[in-house]
Amino acid sequence: MQTIKPVFRIFDHQKAIDFYCGWLGFEVVGEHRFGENFPLYLRIQGQGVEIHLSEHHGDCSPGAKIHIENVPSLIKYHAALLLKDYKYNKPGIQKAFWDSKLYLFEVIDPFGNKIIFTGKE
């Protein structure tokens, strides 16, 4: 199987780190900047995936959407996120309409990008 690493457009790396690392529990695994006053490019990992976050205007457009499947203990992960009381996002959880054995919840980052997490209990 091939590996896909999506790139999300961001506008403020500190807001991105607060959202992805502080709230979702991802970790920064790499970053690049051509110089002090240049946009930042971050690589983060969590829930078995790597996502790239870019402040570069030509890399992508905000408002993208990805789907992370087979998240272990999805209901516990969702509950842990709600306990962190992140004031900008309080996702609900529901059964997936395409498979009654799956649950899902969706989050939207500060830049309009969406992530759907799915998994069994």
Protein backbone atom coordinates (compact mmCIF):
# COMPACT_ATOMS: atom_id res chain seq x y z
CA MET A 1 0.00 0.00 0.00
CA GLN A 2 1.18 3.53 -0.80
CA THR A 3 1.54 6.21 1.88
CA ILE A 4 -0.31 9.50 1.57
CA LYS A 5 0.79 12.54 3.56
CA PRO A 6 -1.72 15.38 3.24
CA VAL A 7 -0.66 19.02 3.39
CA PHE A 8 -2.89 21.53 5.18
CA ARG A 9 -2.50 25.28 4.73
CA ILE A 10 -2.03 27.18 8.00
CA PHE A 11 -1.58 30.88 8.74
CA ASP A 12 -0.18 30.86 12.27
CA HIS A 13 2.13 28.08 13.42
CA GLN A 14 1.45 28.69 17.13
CA LYS A 15 -2.32 28.28 16.62
CA ALA A 16 -1.59 25.13 14.61
CA ILE A 17 0.61 23.69 17.37
CA ASP A 18 -2.00 24.54 20.02
CA PHE A 19 -4.69 22.75 17.99
CA TYR A 20 -2.82 19.73 16.64
CA CYS A 21 -0.38 19.09 19.49
CA GLY A 22 -2.00 20.72 22.50
CA TRP A 23 -5.52 19.47 21.82
CA LEU A 24 -5.44 16.54 19.37
CA GLY A 25 -2.28 15.05 20.89
CA PHE A 26 -0.14 14.98 17.74
CA GLU A 27 3.58 15.70 17.95
CA VAL A 28 5.90 17.76 15.77
CA VAL A 29 8.37 15.44 14.02
CA GLY A 30 10.01 17.98 11.74
CA GLU A 31 10.02 21.56 10.67
CA HIS A 32 11.65 23.62 7.96
CA ARG A 33 12.05 27.32 7.29
CA PHE A 34 14.26 28.81 4.55
CA GLY A 35 15.22 31.68 6.85
CA GLU A 36 14.12 33.74 9.83
CA ASN A 37 11.38 35.68 8.02
CA PHE A 38 10.13 32.82 5.86
CA PRO A 39 6.98 30.70 6.27
CA LEU A 40 7.18 27.56 8.39
CA TYR A 41 6.59 24.01 7.17
CA LEU A 42 5.76 21.47 9.90
CA ARG A 43 5.41 17.68 9.93
CA ILE A 44 3.22 16.28 12.69
CA GLN A 45 2.25 12.73 13.64
CA GLY A 46 -0.62 11.27 15.60
CA GLN A 47 -3.31 8.60 15.38
CA GLY A 48 -1.09 6.62 13.00
CA VAL A 49 -0.79 9.35 10.34
CA GLU A 50 1.58 12.11 9.35
CA ILE A 51 0.16 15.48 8.30
CA HIS A 52 2.17 18.34 6.86
CA LEU A 53 1.23 21.91 7.82
CA SER A 54 2.43 24.74 5.61
CA GLU A 55 2.43 28.52 5.92
CA HIS A 56 3.67 28.71 2.30
CA HIS A 57 1.00 30.38 0.14
CA GLY A 58 1.63 28.18 -2.90
CA ASP A 59 1.45 24.77 -1.23
CA CYS A 60 -2.31 24.35 -0.92
CA SER A 61 -5.59 26.08 -0.13
CA PRO A 62 -7.28 26.19 3.27
CA GLY A 63 -10.48 24.20 3.68
CA ALA A 64 -9.19 20.73 2.84
CA LYS A 65 -10.65 17.58 4.40
CA ILE A 66 -9.09 14.25 5.30
CA HIS A 67 -10.44 11.05 6.79
CA ILE A 68 -8.43 9.10 9.38
CA GLU A 69 -9.80 5.56 9.61
CA ASN A 70 -9.42 2.80 12.18
CA VAL A 71 -8.57 5.08 15.09
CA PRO A 72 -8.05 2.78 18.09
CA SER A 73 -10.42 3.43 21.03
CA LEU A 74 -12.18 6.22 19.13
CA ILE A 75 -14.82 6.80 21.81
CA LYS A 76 -12.14 7.14 24.53
CA TYR A 77 -10.10 9.47 22.31
CA HIS A 78 -13.19 11.62 21.69
CA ALA A 79 -13.99 11.74 25.43
CA ALA A 80 -10.38 12.73 26.23
CA LEU A 81 -10.59 15.60 23.74
CA LEU A 82 -13.78 16.90 25.33
CA LEU A 83 -12.16 16.76 28.79
CA LYS A 84 -9.39 19.08 27.55
CA ASP A 85 -12.13 21.70 27.07
CA TYR A 86 -10.65 23.28 23.92
CA LYS A 87 -12.87 26.35 23.60
CA TYR A 88 -12.94 26.48 19.79
CA ASN A 89 -14.10 22.92 19.06
CA LYS A 90 -16.53 20.59 20.83
CA PRO A 91 -17.17 17.77 18.36
CA GLY A 92 -20.08 15.41 18.76
CA ILE A 93 -19.75 11.71 18.02
CA GLN A 94 -22.14 9.60 15.97
CA LYS A 95 -22.52 6.30 14.17
CA ALA A 96 -21.25 6.32 10.61
CA PHE A 97 -24.14 6.28 8.14
CA TRP A 98 -22.28 3.85 5.87
CA ASP A 99 -21.45 1.28 8.58
CA SER A 100 -23.37 0.91 11.85
CA LYS A 101 -20.31 -0.68 13.50
CA LEU A 102 -18.29 2.54 13.09
CA TYR A 103 -18.33 5.80 14.99
CA LEU A 104 -17.10 9.13 13.72
CA PHE A 105 -16.43 12.68 14.75
CA GLU A 106 -15.16 15.67 12.81
CA VAL A 107 -12.92 18.52 13.90
CA ILE A 108 -12.14 21.77 12.10
CA ASP A 109 -8.76 23.40 12.62
CA PRO A 110 -8.34 27.18 13.05
CA PHE A 111 -7.74 27.52 9.29
CA GLY A 112 -10.86 25.73 8.03
CA ASN A 113 -9.28 22.32 7.39
CA LYS A 114 -11.37 19.33 8.47
CA ILE A 115 -10.44 15.92 9.85
CA ILE A 116 -12.94 13.08 10.17
CA PHE A 117 -11.85 10.42 12.66
CA THR A 118 -13.54 7.01 12.40
CA GLY A 119 -13.18 3.80 14.33
CA LYS A 120 -14.89 1.14 16.35
CA GLU A 121 -15.50 1.66 20.02
